[in-house]
Protein backbone atom coordinates (compact mmCIF):
# COMPACT_ATOMS: atom_id res chain seq x y z
CA THR A 1 8.88 5.23 3.92
CA VAL A 2 8.70 8.19 1.22
CA VAL A 3 9.22 11.87 1.96
CA ALA A 4 7.86 14.44 -0.46
CA SER A 5 8.68 17.88 -0.55
CA VAL A 6 5.70 19.09 -2.45
CA LYS A 7 1.99 17.15 -2.66
CA TYR A 8 -0.64 17.27 -4.96
CA LYS A 9 -3.61 19.06 -3.01
CA GLY A 10 -5.40 16.35 -1.20
CA LEU A 11 -2.65 14.41 -0.58
CA GLU A 12 -0.70 16.75 2.00
CA SER A 13 -1.43 14.63 5.21
CA VAL A 14 -1.25 11.08 3.41
CA LYS A 15 1.77 8.82 4.23
CA LEU A 16 3.42 7.25 1.36
CA LEU A 17 5.35 3.81 1.78
CA VAL A 18 7.59 1.82 -0.67
CA ILE A 19 6.08 -1.63 -1.30
CA GLN A 20 7.72 -4.72 -2.37
CA PRO A 21 4.88 -6.92 -4.04
CA GLN A 22 5.55 -10.76 -3.43
CA ASP A 23 4.14 -13.96 -4.45
CA ALA A 24 1.99 -16.71 -2.30
CA ASP A 25 5.31 -18.11 -1.41
CA GLY A 26 6.38 -14.50 0.18
CA LYS A 27 9.23 -13.94 -2.57
CA LYS A 28 9.77 -10.45 -4.32
CA GLN A 29 7.72 -9.90 -7.58
CA GLY A 30 8.33 -7.25 -9.79
CA GLU A 31 9.60 -3.86 -9.10
CA PRO A 32 8.61 -1.66 -5.92
CA VAL A 33 5.73 0.58 -5.91
CA ILE A 34 4.80 3.98 -3.88
CA ALA A 35 1.64 3.75 -2.33
CA THR A 36 -0.65 5.70 -0.28
CA ASP A 37 -1.15 4.08 3.38
CA SER A 38 -4.48 4.97 5.12
CA MET A 39 -4.14 2.15 7.43
CA GLN A 40 -1.01 3.28 9.46
CA ALA A 41 1.20 -0.04 8.14
CA GLY A 42 4.59 -0.22 9.47
CA VAL A 43 8.14 -1.09 8.16
CA GLY A 44 7.57 -5.33 7.64
CA ASP A 45 3.78 -5.31 7.88
CA VAL A 46 2.29 -7.26 5.40
CA VAL A 47 -0.18 -5.17 3.56
CA ALA A 48 -3.33 -5.48 0.91
CA LEU A 49 -2.49 -3.26 -2.12
CA LEU A 50 -5.10 -1.95 -4.50
CA THR A 51 -4.37 -0.46 -7.80
CA GLY A 52 -5.95 1.61 -10.22
CA ARG A 53 -8.46 4.52 -9.52
CA GLU A 54 -10.15 2.44 -7.24
CA ALA A 55 -7.10 3.03 -4.70
CA THR A 56 -7.88 6.91 -4.01
CA LEU A 57 -11.38 5.61 -2.31
CA ALA A 58 -9.46 4.70 1.12
CA LEU A 59 -8.49 8.23 1.28
CA PRO A 60 -9.86 11.52 3.03
CA GLU A 61 -9.93 13.33 -0.15
CA PRO A 62 -11.35 10.64 -2.86
CA PHE A 63 -10.36 12.05 -6.52
CA VAL A 64 -6.68 12.78 -5.94
CA PRO A 65 -4.04 11.56 -8.49
CA VAL A 66 -2.98 7.75 -7.02
CA ASP A 67 -2.23 4.40 -8.62
CA ALA A 68 -1.83 2.42 -5.49
CA GLY A 69 -3.04 2.25 -1.86
CA VAL A 70 -2.82 0.24 1.21
CA ILE A 71 -6.24 -0.80 2.20
CA GLY A 72 -5.54 -3.41 4.70
CA ILE A 73 -3.17 -4.90 6.98
CA ILE A 74 -2.36 -8.80 6.61
CA ASP A 75 -2.33 -10.38 10.43
CA HIS A 76 -2.00 -14.03 9.02
CA ALA A 77 -2.27 -15.61 5.36
CA TRP A 78 -2.56 -19.31 4.95
CA LYS A 79 -1.37 -21.37 1.52
CA ASP A 80 -1.83 -25.01 1.56
CA GLU A 81 -2.55 -24.98 5.34
CA ARG A 82 0.96 -23.41 6.34
CA VAL A 83 0.69 -20.03 7.94
CA LEU A 84 2.92 -17.59 5.48
């Protein structure tokens, strides 16, 4: 979780998370990113992440300066008939 002492107007009530991207095998890929979380994900959850301008569309205030946002929590994922 990320704590911000000052937030842009429109992001005051929005939760922020540190997200570690991973590949299809669950291995870390790239650097962690800070993302808004309108889905109420928790520690250890696998999430769907949207980047770019569209990341703001899941938020209560749609045109705030956000580069990444959680848009879903993944319950199960399969690759080649095995559960990830």
